[in-house]
Amino acid sequence: MRNWFAKNKEDKLAQKCSRCKQAKKLIFYANNFGVVRGLCKPCRKEIGDKEELFPI
């Protein structure tokens, strides 16, 4: 869905993080069970070694 009210290109590309719910550029990961999550860089670093995630 297009964001018609976005002020700049970054706002158009931003989506909400699965963990912190802030609108940022995301990288999508899948875990061992096949669950897909879109995470921003700070959330990915916080998860770290707790959960094994594979980039899509």
N, C-alpha and C. Protein backbone atom coordinates (compact mmCIF):
# COMPACT_ATOMS: atom_id res chain seq x y z
N MET A 1 0.84 -1.17 0.00
CA MET A 1 0.00 0.00 0.00
C MET A 1 0.88 1.24 0.00
N ARG A 2 0.57 2.19 -0.83
CA ARG A 2 1.38 3.40 -0.93
C ARG A 2 1.04 4.37 0.18
N ASN A 3 2.05 5.05 0.63
CA ASN A 3 1.85 6.08 1.65
C ASN A 3 1.75 7.42 0.93
N TRP A 4 0.55 7.89 0.68
CA TRP A 4 0.33 9.10 -0.09
C TRP A 4 0.74 10.35 0.66
N PHE A 5 0.87 10.27 1.96
CA PHE A 5 1.18 11.45 2.76
C PHE A 5 2.64 11.51 3.19
N ALA A 6 3.48 10.66 2.63
CA ALA A 6 4.89 10.63 2.97
C ALA A 6 5.57 11.91 2.49
N LYS A 7 6.44 12.44 3.34
CA LYS A 7 7.11 13.68 3.02
C LYS A 7 8.38 13.47 2.19
N ASN A 8 9.04 12.35 2.39
CA ASN A 8 10.25 12.08 1.62
C ASN A 8 10.36 10.59 1.30
N LYS A 9 11.38 10.23 0.56
CA LYS A 9 11.55 8.86 0.10
C LYS A 9 11.71 7.88 1.26
N GLU A 10 12.41 8.28 2.33
CA GLU A 10 12.62 7.39 3.45
C GLU A 10 11.31 7.02 4.13
N ASP A 11 10.38 7.98 4.22
CA ASP A 11 9.09 7.69 4.82
C ASP A 11 8.33 6.65 4.01
N LYS A 12 8.47 6.67 2.70
CA LYS A 12 7.79 5.70 1.85
C LYS A 12 8.35 4.30 2.06
N LEU A 13 9.65 4.20 2.32
CA LEU A 13 10.29 2.90 2.48
C LEU A 13 10.15 2.35 3.89
N ALA A 14 9.79 3.19 4.85
CA ALA A 14 9.74 2.78 6.24
C ALA A 14 8.53 1.87 6.50
N GLN A 15 8.77 0.83 7.28
CA GLN A 15 7.72 -0.07 7.74
C GLN A 15 7.91 -0.25 9.23
N LYS A 16 6.90 -0.76 9.92
CA LYS A 16 7.00 -0.93 11.36
C LYS A 16 7.76 -2.20 11.72
N CYS A 17 8.68 -2.06 12.64
CA CYS A 17 9.47 -3.18 13.14
C CYS A 17 8.56 -4.15 13.90
N SER A 18 8.79 -5.46 13.75
CA SER A 18 7.99 -6.47 14.43
C SER A 18 8.18 -6.44 15.94
N ARG A 19 9.29 -5.91 16.39
CA ARG A 19 9.60 -5.93 17.82
C ARG A 19 9.28 -4.62 18.51
N CYS A 20 9.81 -3.48 17.99
CA CYS A 20 9.65 -2.19 18.68
C CYS A 20 8.51 -1.35 18.11
N LYS A 21 7.96 -1.75 16.98
CA LYS A 21 6.82 -1.08 16.33
C LYS A 21 7.12 0.34 15.84
N GLN A 22 8.39 0.69 15.69
CA GLN A 22 8.76 1.99 15.15
C GLN A 22 8.95 1.87 13.64
N ALA A 23 8.58 2.92 12.92
CA ALA A 23 8.69 2.92 11.46
C ALA A 23 10.15 3.18 11.08
N LYS A 24 10.80 2.16 10.55
CA LYS A 24 12.21 2.23 10.14
C LYS A 24 12.40 1.33 8.94
N LYS A 25 13.57 1.42 8.33
CA LYS A 25 13.92 0.50 7.26
C LYS A 25 14.22 -0.86 7.90
N LEU A 26 13.62 -1.91 7.36
CA LEU A 26 13.70 -3.22 7.97
C LEU A 26 14.48 -4.21 7.13
N ILE A 27 15.00 -5.23 7.82
CA ILE A 27 15.57 -6.40 7.17
C ILE A 27 14.72 -7.57 7.65
N PHE A 28 14.31 -8.43 6.74
CA PHE A 28 13.42 -9.52 7.09
C PHE A 28 14.21 -10.79 7.38
N TYR A 29 13.81 -11.48 8.46
CA TYR A 29 14.47 -12.69 8.92
C TYR A 29 13.43 -13.78 9.16
N ALA A 30 13.86 -15.04 9.04
CA ALA A 30 13.03 -16.19 9.38
C ALA A 30 13.77 -16.99 10.45
N ASN A 31 13.01 -17.59 11.38
CA ASN A 31 13.65 -18.42 12.40
C ASN A 31 13.53 -19.90 12.02
N ASN A 32 13.92 -20.78 12.91
CA ASN A 32 13.90 -22.22 12.62
C ASN A 32 12.51 -22.76 12.35
N PHE A 33 11.48 -22.08 12.86
CA PHE A 33 10.11 -22.54 12.70
C PHE A 33 9.42 -21.93 11.49
N GLY A 34 10.13 -21.08 10.75
CA GLY A 34 9.57 -20.48 9.55
C GLY A 34 8.83 -19.18 9.78
N VAL A 35 8.90 -18.64 10.98
CA VAL A 35 8.22 -17.37 11.29
C VAL A 35 9.06 -16.23 10.74
N VAL A 36 8.44 -15.36 9.94
CA VAL A 36 9.14 -14.24 9.32
C VAL A 36 8.90 -12.99 10.14
N ARG A 37 9.98 -12.23 10.40
CA ARG A 37 9.89 -11.00 11.15
C ARG A 37 10.68 -9.92 10.43
N GLY A 38 10.17 -8.71 10.46
CA GLY A 38 10.88 -7.56 9.93
C GLY A 38 11.49 -6.81 11.09
N LEU A 39 12.82 -6.74 11.16
CA LEU A 39 13.49 -6.13 12.30
C LEU A 39 14.39 -4.98 11.87
N CYS A 40 14.43 -3.93 12.69
CA CYS A 40 15.36 -2.83 12.47
C CYS A 40 16.72 -3.25 13.06
N LYS A 41 17.76 -2.51 12.76
CA LYS A 41 19.11 -2.89 13.20
C LYS A 41 19.25 -2.94 14.73
N PRO A 42 18.72 -1.95 15.50
CA PRO A 42 18.87 -2.03 16.96
C PRO A 42 18.18 -3.26 17.55
N CYS A 43 17.01 -3.62 17.06
CA CYS A 43 16.30 -4.79 17.57
C CYS A 43 17.05 -6.07 17.22
N ARG A 44 17.62 -6.13 16.04
CA ARG A 44 18.39 -7.32 15.64
C ARG A 44 19.59 -7.51 16.55
N LYS A 45 20.23 -6.40 16.92
CA LYS A 45 21.39 -6.49 17.83
C LYS A 45 20.97 -6.91 19.22
N GLU A 46 19.79 -6.46 19.68
CA GLU A 46 19.30 -6.84 21.01
C GLU A 46 18.98 -8.32 21.08
N ILE A 47 18.41 -8.88 20.01
CA ILE A 47 18.08 -10.30 19.99
C ILE A 47 19.36 -11.12 19.99
N GLY A 48 20.34 -10.69 19.20
CA GLY A 48 21.67 -11.30 19.19
C GLY A 48 21.69 -12.81 19.17
N ASP A 49 22.23 -13.41 20.23
CA ASP A 49 22.41 -14.85 20.30
C ASP A 49 21.19 -15.57 20.90
N LYS A 50 20.19 -14.85 21.34
CA LYS A 50 19.02 -15.47 21.96
C LYS A 50 18.23 -16.34 20.97
N GLU A 51 18.21 -15.90 19.73
CA GLU A 51 17.42 -16.60 18.72
C GLU A 51 18.19 -16.63 17.41
N GLU A 52 18.23 -17.79 16.77
CA GLU A 52 18.93 -17.89 15.49
C GLU A 52 18.00 -17.44 14.38
N LEU A 53 18.40 -16.38 13.66
CA LEU A 53 17.60 -15.82 12.58
C LEU A 53 18.36 -15.89 11.28
N PHE A 54 17.64 -16.19 10.21
CA PHE A 54 18.24 -16.32 8.89
C PHE A 54 17.69 -15.21 7.98
N PRO A 55 18.56 -14.38 7.37
CA PRO A 55 18.06 -13.32 6.49
C PRO A 55 17.36 -13.90 5.27
N ILE A 56 16.33 -13.21 4.84
CA ILE A 56 15.58 -13.64 3.64
C ILE A 56 16.03 -12.82 2.47
